[in-house]
Amino acid sequence: MESSPLTARQALLREVDAALGEGAAGEQLVELIIRSGWQPRPTPDPNSEYLEGVLENGRRVPIEIRHGRLSRAS
């Protein structure tokens, strides 16, 4: 089931509001917008795999699978 642009916009607005409430930085907001599908990633992420999905209505959509990164505490 595909959501309408208005519904998707409202969902994105809620996510951005929540992120701002948590003190998100600009980079985190950009990642949120890319992850939501509103803006494609300008360069492929080397830590991701890219697949092609097909929605019920036959529309083909890109799928980005991001692999977690391990970091060490200093």
Protein backbone atom coordinates (compact mmCIF):
# COMPACT_ATOMS: atom_id res chain seq x y z
CA MET A 1 0.00 0.00 0.00
CA GLU A 2 1.41 3.35 -1.01
CA SER A 3 0.73 6.45 1.05
CA SER A 4 -0.40 9.74 -0.44
CA PRO A 5 2.11 12.58 -0.72
CA LEU A 6 0.22 14.48 1.99
CA THR A 7 0.33 11.53 4.40
CA ALA A 8 4.04 10.97 3.67
CA ARG A 9 4.71 14.68 4.18
CA GLN A 10 2.92 14.63 7.55
CA ALA A 11 4.90 11.55 8.62
CA LEU A 12 8.17 13.26 7.62
CA LEU A 13 7.14 16.40 9.51
CA ARG A 14 6.52 14.36 12.67
CA GLU A 15 9.92 12.67 12.33
CA VAL A 16 11.72 16.00 11.79
CA ASP A 17 9.90 17.58 14.74
CA ALA A 18 10.88 14.64 16.96
CA ALA A 19 14.50 14.79 15.78
CA LEU A 20 14.66 18.53 16.44
CA GLY A 21 13.16 17.96 19.88
CA GLU A 22 16.01 15.52 20.58
CA GLY A 23 18.59 18.09 19.46
CA ALA A 24 19.45 16.53 16.08
CA ALA A 25 22.28 18.11 14.12
CA GLY A 26 22.05 19.05 10.45
CA GLU A 27 23.73 15.85 9.29
CA GLN A 28 21.19 13.77 11.22
CA LEU A 29 18.30 15.69 9.65
CA VAL A 30 19.73 15.14 6.17
CA GLU A 31 20.06 11.42 6.90
CA LEU A 32 16.45 11.33 8.10
CA ILE A 33 15.23 12.94 4.86
CA ILE A 34 17.29 10.57 2.71
CA ARG A 35 16.15 7.54 4.73
CA SER A 36 12.51 8.60 4.38
CA GLY A 37 12.84 8.57 0.58
CA TRP A 38 12.25 12.27 0.03
CA GLN A 39 15.78 12.83 -1.27
CA PRO A 40 18.09 10.27 -2.86
CA ARG A 41 21.55 9.79 -1.40
CA PRO A 42 23.91 11.91 -3.56
CA THR A 43 26.70 9.34 -3.42
CA PRO A 44 26.34 5.65 -2.61
CA ASP A 45 27.12 4.76 0.99
CA PRO A 46 29.93 2.16 1.02
CA ASN A 47 28.36 0.63 4.14
CA SER A 48 25.09 -0.10 2.35
CA GLU A 49 23.75 -2.61 -0.10
CA TYR A 50 21.34 -1.49 -2.78
CA LEU A 51 18.47 -3.61 -4.02
CA GLU A 52 15.45 -2.99 -6.20
CA GLY A 53 12.02 -3.60 -4.72
CA VAL A 54 8.62 -3.81 -6.37
CA LEU A 55 5.50 -2.40 -4.70
CA GLU A 56 2.10 -4.08 -4.96
CA ASN A 57 1.13 -1.64 -7.72
CA GLY A 58 4.17 -2.70 -9.79
CA ARG A 59 6.20 0.46 -9.14
CA ARG A 60 9.91 -0.25 -8.79
CA VAL A 61 11.66 1.42 -5.86
CA PRO A 62 15.27 1.44 -4.66
CA ILE A 63 15.98 -0.16 -1.29
CA GLU A 64 19.05 0.81 0.71
CA ILE A 65 20.14 -1.61 3.41
CA ARG A 66 22.48 0.16 5.80
CA HIS A 67 24.87 -1.99 7.76
CA GLY A 68 25.58 -0.95 11.33
CA ARG A 69 28.91 0.54 12.17
CA LEU A 70 30.81 -0.49 15.25
CA SER A 71 32.68 2.21 17.04
CA ARG A 72 35.01 2.06 20.00
CA ALA A 73 34.60 4.22 23.03
CA SER A 74 37.77 6.15 23.77
